[in-house]
């Protein structure tokens, strides 16, 4: 049977997951394999030193294989462990929060799941959204509430529209990383973009007890001009579509090459 694997990193209880599964299900049958809780900021981590448990649950009428591991574990099991045949496509998302710029792409469980698909020879689409008008600390809790479902349904319809050409094309070992503004619709401009060269600073805050807790504040440090990048397109309210192909070779500065005698 031809089918599509749907996953995410926000977990089985994310309000974005059932609308995405339904919308993608209009293209082909879907199987949903997702973490049993939120697994953001884990990149393409794979569980190594403990068993991975899977149980079948239902959310909003959608059957989901809930996995105790990471998003990439979900895709690995979807490709090789849970079913008799691999999917034609992996769709990961829709993440609550943009995954654009090099630092955030490499940290993203949403993108990590998509990359696991490409490693297994299955093309993938990773989808993320965020508000341009509301602050992160206000928007993020709202985006995970029941009140956000109409937004997720609208974005899921766009996701299916974007995934359809990838499904129809010959496999390329490709990931399309898509960042949509949360008010996007069919008329929102789309841009083919490159990855912005960005980094971040402090991610942890020390507590009174001396522990360190994750304290993301949404900052970006630009290492190169943002023109033509995913970050710029998102800031301008466009849908940023960025093709990724795993780890690629970088150019070595001539001075360093001479110093290494290569």
C-alpha atoms as a PDB file:
ATOM      1  CA  UNK A   1       0.000   0.000   0.000  1.00  0.00           C
ATOM      2  CA  UNK A   2       1.224   3.492  -0.853  1.00  0.00           C
ATOM      3  CA  UNK A   3       1.119   5.696   2.224  1.00  0.00           C
ATOM      4  CA  UNK A   4       2.548   8.796   3.937  1.00  0.00           C
ATOM      5  CA  UNK A   5       4.179   8.930   7.366  1.00  0.00           C
ATOM      6  CA  UNK A   6       3.125  11.889   9.533  1.00  0.00           C
ATOM      7  CA  UNK A   7       5.112  12.823  12.633  1.00  0.00           C
ATOM      8  CA  UNK A   8       6.050  15.829  14.771  1.00  0.00           C
ATOM      9  CA  UNK A   9       8.165  16.884  17.743  1.00  0.00           C
ATOM     10  CA  UNK A  10       5.381  18.506  19.805  1.00  0.00           C
ATOM     11  CA  UNK A  11       3.957  15.090  20.654  1.00  0.00           C
ATOM     12  CA  UNK A  12       0.689  13.201  20.349  1.00  0.00           C
ATOM     13  CA  UNK A  13      -1.302  15.852  22.218  1.00  0.00           C
ATOM     14  CA  UNK A  14      -0.312  18.743  19.942  1.00  0.00           C
ATOM     15  CA  UNK A  15      -3.478  20.307  18.449  1.00  0.00           C
ATOM     16  CA  UNK A  16      -1.668  20.587  15.113  1.00  0.00           C
ATOM     17  CA  UNK A  17      -1.350  16.827  14.631  1.00  0.00           C
ATOM     18  CA  UNK A  18      -4.928  15.652  13.843  1.00  0.00           C
ATOM     19  CA  UNK A  19      -5.575  18.454  11.297  1.00  0.00           C
ATOM     20  CA  UNK A  20      -2.284  17.691   9.553  1.00  0.00           C
ATOM     21  CA  UNK A  21      -3.029  13.965   9.422  1.00  0.00           C
ATOM     22  CA  UNK A  22      -6.463  14.627   7.927  1.00  0.00           C
ATOM     23  CA  UNK A  23      -5.186  17.079   5.316  1.00  0.00           C
ATOM     24  CA  UNK A  24      -2.284  14.867   4.244  1.00  0.00           C
ATOM     25  CA  UNK A  25      -4.708  11.944   4.203  1.00  0.00           C
ATOM     26  CA  UNK A  26      -6.402  13.556   1.213  1.00  0.00           C
ATOM     27  CA  UNK A  27      -3.219  12.815  -0.783  1.00  0.00           C
ATOM     28  CA  UNK A  28      -2.737   9.184   0.293  1.00  0.00           C
ATOM     29  CA  UNK A  29      -3.425   6.988   3.319  1.00  0.00           C
ATOM     30  CA  UNK A  30      -1.480   8.168   6.356  1.00  0.00           C
ATOM     31  CA  UNK A  31       0.091   6.481   9.345  1.00  0.00           C
ATOM     32  CA  UNK A  32       0.915   8.700  12.282  1.00  0.00           C
ATOM     33  CA  UNK A  33       3.937   7.922  14.452  1.00  0.00           C
ATOM     34  CA  UNK A  34       4.736  10.631  16.991  1.00  0.00           C
ATOM     35  CA  UNK A  35       6.489  11.100  20.340  1.00  0.00           C
ATOM     36  CA  UNK A  36       4.369  10.390  23.413  1.00  0.00           C
ATOM     37  CA  UNK A  37       5.268  13.857  24.749  1.00  0.00           C
ATOM     38  CA  UNK A  38       6.966  17.018  23.552  1.00  0.00           C
ATOM     39  CA  UNK A  39      10.480  16.451  22.174  1.00  0.00           C
ATOM     40  CA  UNK A  40      11.487  19.902  20.946  1.00  0.00           C
ATOM     41  CA  UNK A  41      15.124  20.977  20.578  1.00  0.00           C
ATOM     42  CA  UNK A  42      16.433  17.416  20.203  1.00  0.00           C
ATOM     43  CA  UNK A  43      17.605  17.624  16.574  1.00  0.00           C
ATOM     44  CA  UNK A  44      18.052  14.234  14.930  1.00  0.00           C
ATOM     45  CA  UNK A  45      18.774  12.354  18.155  1.00  0.00           C
ATOM     46  CA  UNK A  46      18.263   8.584  18.117  1.00  0.00           C
ATOM     47  CA  UNK A  47      17.606   6.562  21.270  1.00  0.00           C
ATOM     48  CA  UNK A  48      20.614   4.335  21.986  1.00  0.00           C
ATOM     49  CA  UNK A  49      20.757   3.196  25.596  1.00  0.00           C
ATOM     50  CA  UNK A  50      17.179   2.360  26.529  1.00  0.00           C
ATOM     51  CA  UNK A  51      14.268   0.510  24.907  1.00  0.00           C
ATOM     52  CA  UNK A  52      11.779   2.425  22.790  1.00  0.00           C
ATOM     53  CA  UNK A  53       8.164   1.689  23.680  1.00  0.00           C
ATOM     54  CA  UNK A  54       5.257   2.073  21.258  1.00  0.00           C
ATOM     55  CA  UNK A  55       1.565   2.084  22.060  1.00  0.00           C
ATOM     56  CA  UNK A  56      -1.416   2.884  19.861  1.00  0.00           C
ATOM     57  CA  UNK A  57      -3.524   5.828  21.043  1.00  0.00           C
ATOM     58  CA  UNK A  58      -6.265   7.947  19.521  1.00  0.00           C
ATOM     59  CA  UNK A  59      -6.500  11.723  19.371  1.00  0.00           C
ATOM     60  CA  UNK A  60      -9.483  13.489  17.753  1.00  0.00           C
ATOM     61  CA  UNK A  61     -10.355  10.327  15.849  1.00  0.00           C
ATOM     62  CA  UNK A  62      -6.819   9.812  14.518  1.00  0.00           C
ATOM     63  CA  UNK A  63      -4.938   6.603  15.334  1.00  0.00           C
ATOM     64  CA  UNK A  64      -1.392   7.384  16.451  1.00  0.00           C
ATOM     65  CA  UNK A  65       1.562   5.174  17.288  1.00  0.00           C
ATOM     66  CA  UNK A  66       2.904   6.949  20.392  1.00  0.00           C
ATOM     67  CA  UNK A  67       6.656   6.461  20.773  1.00  0.00           C
ATOM     68  CA  UNK A  68       8.674   6.930  23.962  1.00  0.00           C
ATOM     69  CA  UNK A  69      11.692   8.191  22.010  1.00  0.00           C
ATOM     70  CA  UNK A  70      12.608  11.092  19.758  1.00  0.00           C
ATOM     71  CA  UNK A  71      11.077  12.342  16.493  1.00  0.00           C
ATOM     72  CA  UNK A  72      13.829  10.659  14.464  1.00  0.00           C
ATOM     73  CA  UNK A  73      13.059   7.413  16.321  1.00  0.00           C
ATOM     74  CA  UNK A  74       9.468   7.757  15.121  1.00  0.00           C
ATOM     75  CA  UNK A  75      10.579   8.003  11.507  1.00  0.00           C
ATOM     76  CA  UNK A  76      13.139   5.220  11.868  1.00  0.00           C
ATOM     77  CA  UNK A  77      10.418   2.922  13.223  1.00  0.00           C
ATOM     78  CA  UNK A  78       7.956   4.097  10.589  1.00  0.00           C
ATOM     79  CA  UNK A  79      10.419   3.247   7.831  1.00  0.00           C
ATOM     80  CA  UNK A  80      11.846   0.021   9.202  1.00  0.00           C
ATOM     81  CA  UNK A  81      10.087  -1.408  12.239  1.00  0.00           C
ATOM     82  CA  UNK A  82       6.362  -0.887  12.541  1.00  0.00           C
ATOM     83  CA  UNK A  83       4.984  -1.554   9.078  1.00  0.00           C
ATOM     84  CA  UNK A  84       5.459  -3.984   6.212  1.00  0.00           C
ATOM     85  CA  UNK A  85       6.494  -1.373   3.658  1.00  0.00           C
ATOM     86  CA  UNK A  86       8.115   2.077   3.863  1.00  0.00           C
ATOM     87  CA  UNK A  87       6.179   5.279   3.160  1.00  0.00           C
ATOM     88  CA  UNK A  88       6.352   7.300  -0.023  1.00  0.00           C
ATOM     89  CA  UNK A  89       6.830  10.536   1.917  1.00  0.00           C
ATOM     90  CA  UNK A  90       7.488  11.803   5.436  1.00  0.00           C
ATOM     91  CA  UNK A  91       5.619  14.906   6.628  1.00  0.00           C
ATOM     92  CA  UNK A  92       6.842  16.374   9.919  1.00  0.00           C
ATOM     93  CA  UNK A  93       5.072  19.137  11.831  1.00  0.00           C
ATOM     94  CA  UNK A  94       3.415  21.481  11.945  1.00  0.00           C
ATOM     95  CA  UNK A  95       5.782  22.823  14.590  1.00  0.00           C
ATOM     96  CA  UNK A  96       4.720  25.589  16.960  1.00  0.00           C
ATOM     97  CA  UNK A  97       7.667  27.909  16.336  1.00  0.00           C
ATOM     98  CA  UNK A  98       9.781  28.687  13.291  1.00  0.00           C
ATOM     99  CA  UNK A  99      12.635  26.363  12.365  1.00  0.00           C
ATOM    100  CA  UNK A 100      14.685  28.636  10.155  1.00  0.00           C
ATOM    101  CA  UNK A 101      18.332  29.612  10.117  1.00  0.00           C
ATOM    102  CA  UNK A 102      21.208  27.169  10.508  1.00  0.00           C
ATOM    103  CA  UNK A 103      21.316  27.067  14.310  1.00  0.00           C
ATOM    104  CA  UNK A 104      17.618  26.376  14.707  1.00  0.00           C
ATOM    105  CA  UNK A 105      17.355  23.940  11.808  1.00  0.00           C
ATOM    106  CA  UNK A 106      20.113  21.813  13.335  1.00  0.00           C
ATOM    107  CA  UNK A 107      18.404  21.933  16.744  1.00  0.00           C
ATOM    108  CA  UNK A 108      14.916  21.104  15.496  1.00  0.00           C
ATOM    109  CA  UNK A 109      13.245  17.788  16.237  1.00  0.00           C
ATOM    110  CA  UNK A 110      10.791  18.580  13.435  1.00  0.00           C
ATOM    111  CA  UNK A 111      13.566  18.917  10.865  1.00  0.00           C
ATOM    112  CA  UNK A 112      15.510  16.057  12.456  1.00  0.00           C
ATOM    113  CA  UNK A 113      12.594  13.722  11.806  1.00  0.00           C
ATOM    114  CA  UNK A 114      12.471  14.825   8.172  1.00  0.00           C
ATOM    115  CA  UNK A 115      16.228  14.289   7.785  1.00  0.00           C
ATOM    116  CA  UNK A 116      15.848  10.761   9.157  1.00  0.00           C
ATOM    117  CA  UNK A 117      13.404  10.121   6.330  1.00  0.00           C
ATOM    118  CA  UNK A 118      15.857  11.401   3.723  1.00  0.00           C
ATOM    119  CA  UNK A 119      18.632   9.239   5.194  1.00  0.00           C
ATOM    120  CA  UNK A 120      16.313   6.275   4.656  1.00  0.00           C
ATOM    121  CA  UNK A 121      15.728   7.254   1.029  1.00  0.00           C
ATOM    122  CA  UNK A 122      12.316   8.845   1.562  1.00  0.00           C
ATOM    123  CA  UNK A 123      11.729  12.492   0.693  1.00  0.00           C
ATOM    124  CA  UNK A 124      10.322  14.629   3.470  1.00  0.00           C
ATOM    125  CA  UNK A 125       8.597  17.914   4.194  1.00  0.00           C
ATOM    126  CA  UNK A 126       9.160  19.683   7.525  1.00  0.00           C
ATOM    127  CA  UNK A 127       6.655  22.403   8.434  1.00  0.00           C
ATOM    128  CA  UNK A 128       6.792  25.108  11.098  1.00  0.00           C
ATOM    129  CA  UNK A 129       4.847  28.254  11.920  1.00  0.00           C
ATOM    130  CA  UNK A 130       4.977  31.270  14.197  1.00  0.00           C
ATOM    131  CA  UNK A 131       3.268  34.621  14.684  1.00  0.00           C
ATOM    132  CA  UNK A 132       4.815  37.836  13.391  1.00  0.00           C
ATOM    133  CA  UNK A 133       2.494  40.031  15.462  1.00  0.00           C
ATOM    134  CA  UNK A 134       2.321  38.321  18.867  1.00  0.00           C
ATOM    135  CA  UNK A 135       5.225  37.756  21.215  1.00  0.00           C
ATOM    136  CA  UNK A 136       6.580  34.227  21.542  1.00  0.00           C
ATOM    137  CA  UNK A 137       5.715  33.848  25.217  1.00  0.00           C
ATOM    138  CA  UNK A 138       2.109  34.859  24.498  1.00  0.00           C
ATOM    139  CA  UNK A 139       1.687  33.016  21.205  1.00  0.00           C
ATOM    140  CA  UNK A 140       3.302  29.692  22.113  1.00  0.00           C
ATOM    141  CA  UNK A 141       0.838  28.687  24.900  1.00  0.00           C
ATOM    142  CA  UNK A 142      -2.089  29.811  22.746  1.00  0.00           C
ATOM    143  CA  UNK A 143      -0.800  27.724  19.800  1.00  0.00           C
ATOM    144  CA  UNK A 144      -0.963  24.593  21.958  1.00  0.00           C
ATOM    145  CA  UNK A 145      -4.511  25.276  23.182  1.00  0.00           C
ATOM    146  CA  UNK A 146      -7.835  24.133  21.735  1.00  0.00           C
ATOM    147  CA  UNK A 147      -8.517  27.705  20.599  1.00  0.00           C
ATOM    148  CA  UNK A 148      -5.764  27.364  17.986  1.00  0.00           C
ATOM    149  CA  UNK A 149      -7.361  24.447  16.090  1.00  0.00           C
ATOM    150  CA  UNK A 150      -8.881  26.617  13.294  1.00  0.00           C
ATOM    151  CA  UNK A 151      -5.402  28.002  12.589  1.00  0.00           C
ATOM    152  CA  UNK A 152      -3.933  24.511  12.426  1.00  0.00           C
ATOM    153  CA  UNK A 153      -6.694  23.368  10.062  1.00  0.00           C
ATOM    154  CA  UNK A 154      -5.965  26.257   7.687  1.00  0.00           C
ATOM    155  CA  UNK A 155      -2.210  25.646   7.796  1.00  0.00           C
ATOM    156  CA  UNK A 156      -2.695  21.895   7.355  1.00  0.00           C
ATOM    157  CA  UNK A 157      -4.545  22.544   4.109  1.00  0.00           C
ATOM    158  CA  UNK A 158      -1.563  24.581   2.900  1.00  0.00           C
ATOM    159  CA  UNK A 159       0.781  21.825   4.053  1.00  0.00           C
ATOM    160  CA  UNK A 160      -1.036  19.294   1.886  1.00  0.00           C
ATOM    161  CA  UNK A 161      -0.831  21.652  -1.086  1.00  0.00           C
ATOM    162  CA  UNK A 162       2.931  21.977  -0.570  1.00  0.00           C
ATOM    163  CA  UNK A 163       3.476  18.256  -0.005  1.00  0.00           C
ATOM    164  CA  UNK A 164       1.566  17.106  -3.101  1.00  0.00           C
ATOM    165  CA  UNK A 165       4.282  18.007  -5.668  1.00  0.00           C
ATOM    166  CA  UNK A 166       6.958  16.329  -3.534  1.00  0.00           C
ATOM    167  CA  UNK A 167       4.848  13.179  -3.373  1.00  0.00           C
ATOM    168  CA  UNK A 168       4.369  13.218  -7.143  1.00  0.00           C
ATOM    169  CA  UNK A 169       8.056  13.747  -7.961  1.00  0.00           C
ATOM    170  CA  UNK A 170      10.724  11.060  -8.252  1.00  0.00           C
ATOM    171  CA  UNK A 171      12.540  10.522  -4.926  1.00  0.00           C
ATOM    172  CA  UNK A 172      15.468  12.900  -4.522  1.00  0.00           C
ATOM    173  CA  UNK A 173      16.674  12.227  -0.969  1.00  0.00           C
ATOM    174  CA  UNK A 174      15.461  15.750  -0.292  1.00  0.00           C
ATOM    175  CA  UNK A 175      13.964  17.611   2.640  1.00  0.00           C
ATOM    176  CA  UNK A 176      11.835  20.690   2.053  1.00  0.00           C
ATOM    177  CA  UNK A 177      11.949  22.859   5.150  1.00  0.00           C
ATOM    178  CA  UNK A 178       8.852  25.064   5.088  1.00  0.00           C
ATOM    179  CA  UNK A 179       8.222  27.991   7.434  1.00  0.00           C
ATOM    180  CA  UNK A 180       4.738  29.506   7.222  1.00  0.00           C
ATOM    181  CA  UNK A 181       3.485  32.624   9.014  1.00  0.00           C
ATOM    182  CA  UNK A 182       0.570  31.706  11.247  1.00  0.00           C
ATOM    183  CA  UNK A 183      -1.782  33.865   9.159  1.00  0.00           C
ATOM    184  CA  UNK A 184      -0.746  32.219   5.868  1.00  0.00           C
ATOM    185  CA  UNK A 185      -3.384  31.281   3.317  1.00  0.00           C
ATOM    186  CA  UNK A 186      -3.524  30.305  -0.349  1.00  0.00           C
ATOM    187  CA  UNK A 187      -2.592  33.849  -1.408  1.00  0.00           C
ATOM    188  CA  UNK A 188       0.508  34.172   0.772  1.00  0.00           C
ATOM    189  CA  UNK A 189       3.636  34.617  -1.404  1.00  0.00           C
ATOM    190  CA  UNK A 190       6.037  31.689  -1.539  1.00  0.00           C
ATOM    191  CA  UNK A 191       9.803  32.060  -1.779  1.00  0.00           C
ATOM    192  CA  UNK A 192      12.561  29.596  -2.546  1.00  0.00           C
ATOM    193  CA  UNK A 193      15.178  30.448   0.058  1.00  0.00           C
ATOM    194  CA  UNK A 194      18.584  29.462   1.374  1.00  0.00           C
ATOM    195  CA  UNK A 195      19.451  28.788   4.990  1.00  0.00           C
ATOM    196  CA  UNK A 196      20.354  31.902   6.959  1.00  0.00           C
ATOM    197  CA  UNK A 197      23.730  31.790   8.684  1.00  0.00           C
ATOM    198  CA  UNK A 198      22.581  32.451  12.231  1.00  0.00           C
ATOM    199  CA  UNK A 199      23.488  31.374  15.735  1.00  0.00           C
ATOM    200  CA  UNK A 200      22.224  31.873  19.260  1.00  0.00           C
ATOM    201  CA  UNK A 201      23.737  32.757  22.619  1.00  0.00           C
ATOM    202  CA  UNK A 202      22.651  31.611  26.071  1.00  0.00           C
ATOM    203  CA  UNK A 203      19.944  28.939  26.140  1.00  0.00           C
ATOM    204  CA  UNK A 204      19.954  28.133  29.871  1.00  0.00           C
ATOM    205  CA  UNK A 205      19.214  30.144  32.999  1.00  0.00           C
ATOM    206  CA  UNK A 206      20.535  29.223  36.440  1.00  0.00           C
ATOM    207  CA  UNK A 207      17.836  28.653  39.059  1.00  0.00           C
ATOM    208  CA  UNK A 208      18.022  29.636  42.722  1.00  0.00           C
ATOM    209  CA  UNK A 209      18.887  26.023  43.496  1.00  0.00           C
ATOM    210  CA  UNK A 210      21.866  26.101  41.132  1.00  0.00           C
ATOM    211  CA  UNK A 211      20.320  24.052  38.332  1.00  0.00           C
ATOM    212  CA  UNK A 212      20.151  25.206  34.731  1.00  0.00           C
ATOM    213  CA  UNK A 213      16.834  25.275  32.847  1.00  0.00           C
ATOM    214  CA  UNK A 214      16.142  25.876  29.172  1.00  0.00           C
ATOM    215  CA  UNK A 215      15.055  29.494  28.691  1.00  0.00           C
ATOM    216  CA  UNK A 216      14.675  30.157  24.967  1.00  0.00           C
ATOM    217  CA  UNK A 217      14.038  33.821  24.145  1.00  0.00           C
ATOM    218  CA  UNK A 218      13.856  33.758  20.358  1.00  0.00           C
ATOM    219  CA  UNK A 219      17.017  35.675  19.520  1.00  0.00           C
ATOM    220  CA  UNK A 220      19.100  35.338  16.345  1.00  0.00           C
ATOM    221  CA  UNK A 221      22.714  36.321  15.716  1.00  0.00           C
ATOM    222  CA  UNK A 222      23.279  36.911  12.010  1.00  0.00           C
ATOM    223  CA  UNK A 223      26.707  35.867  10.741  1.00  0.00           C
ATOM    224  CA  UNK A 224      25.987  36.906   7.142  1.00  0.00           C
ATOM    225  CA  UNK A 225      23.549  39.227   5.326  1.00  0.00           C
ATOM    226  CA  UNK A 226      20.000  37.797   5.503  1.00  0.00           C
ATOM    227  CA  UNK A 227      18.978  38.639   1.928  1.00  0.00           C
ATOM    228  CA  UNK A 228      17.431  35.667   0.162  1.00  0.00           C
ATOM    229  CA  UNK A 229      17.259  33.560   3.315  1.00  0.00           C
ATOM    230  CA  UNK A 230      14.534  31.691   5.122  1.00  0.00           C
ATOM    231  CA  UNK A 231      14.735  34.105   8.056  1.00  0.00           C
ATOM    232  CA  UNK A 232      14.197  37.149   5.838  1.00  0.00           C
ATOM    233  CA  UNK A 233      11.272  35.577   3.977  1.00  0.00           C
ATOM    234  CA  UNK A 234       9.596  34.695   7.278  1.00  0.00           C
ATOM    235  CA  UNK A 235      10.103  38.220   8.597  1.00  0.00           C
ATOM    236  CA  UNK A 236       8.412  39.595   5.476  1.00  0.00           C
ATOM    237  CA  UNK A 237       5.360  37.366   5.911  1.00  0.00           C
ATOM    238  CA  UNK A 238       6.143  34.950   3.095  1.00  0.00           C
ATOM    239  CA  UNK A 239       6.167  31.164   3.047  1.00  0.00           C
ATOM    240  CA  UNK A 240       9.854  30.210   3.072  1.00  0.00           C
ATOM    241  CA  UNK A 241      10.652  26.960   1.243  1.00  0.00           C
ATOM    242  CA  UNK A 242      14.224  25.771   1.739  1.00  0.00           C
ATOM    243  CA  UNK A 243      15.573  22.554   0.177  1.00  0.00           C
ATOM    244  CA  UNK A 244      17.951  20.647   2.462  1.00  0.00           C
ATOM    245  CA  UNK A 245      20.149  17.657   1.761  1.00  0.00           C
ATOM    246  CA  UNK A 246      21.615  16.456   5.055  1.00  0.00           C
ATOM    247  CA  UNK A 247      25.232  17.359   5.751  1.00  0.00           C
ATOM    248  CA  UNK A 248      27.038  18.930   2.803  1.00  0.00           C
ATOM    249  CA  UNK A 249      30.691  19.769   2.253  1.00  0.00           C
ATOM    250  CA  UNK A 250      31.766  23.332   3.030  1.00  0.00           C
ATOM    251  CA  UNK A 251      34.430  25.370   1.262  1.00  0.00           C
ATOM    252  CA  UNK A 252      37.697  25.470   3.187  1.00  0.00           C
ATOM    253  CA  UNK A 253      39.359  28.900   3.495  1.00  0.00           C
ATOM    254  CA  UNK A 254      42.608  28.903   1.464  1.00  0.00           C
ATOM    255  CA  UNK A 255      44.709  30.020   4.442  1.00  0.00           C
ATOM    256  CA  UNK A 256      43.464  27.118   6.545  1.00  0.00           C
ATOM    257  CA  UNK A 257      44.055  24.686   3.716  1.00  0.00           C
ATOM    258  CA  UNK A 258      47.645  25.869   3.384  1.00  0.00           C
ATOM    259  CA  UNK A 259      48.163  25.599   7.136  1.00  0.00           C
ATOM    260  CA  UNK A 260      46.912  22.014   7.063  1.00  0.00           C
ATOM    261  CA  UNK A 261      49.149  21.245   4.076  1.00  0.00           C
ATOM    262  CA  UNK A 262      46.306  19.780   1.997  1.00  0.00           C
END
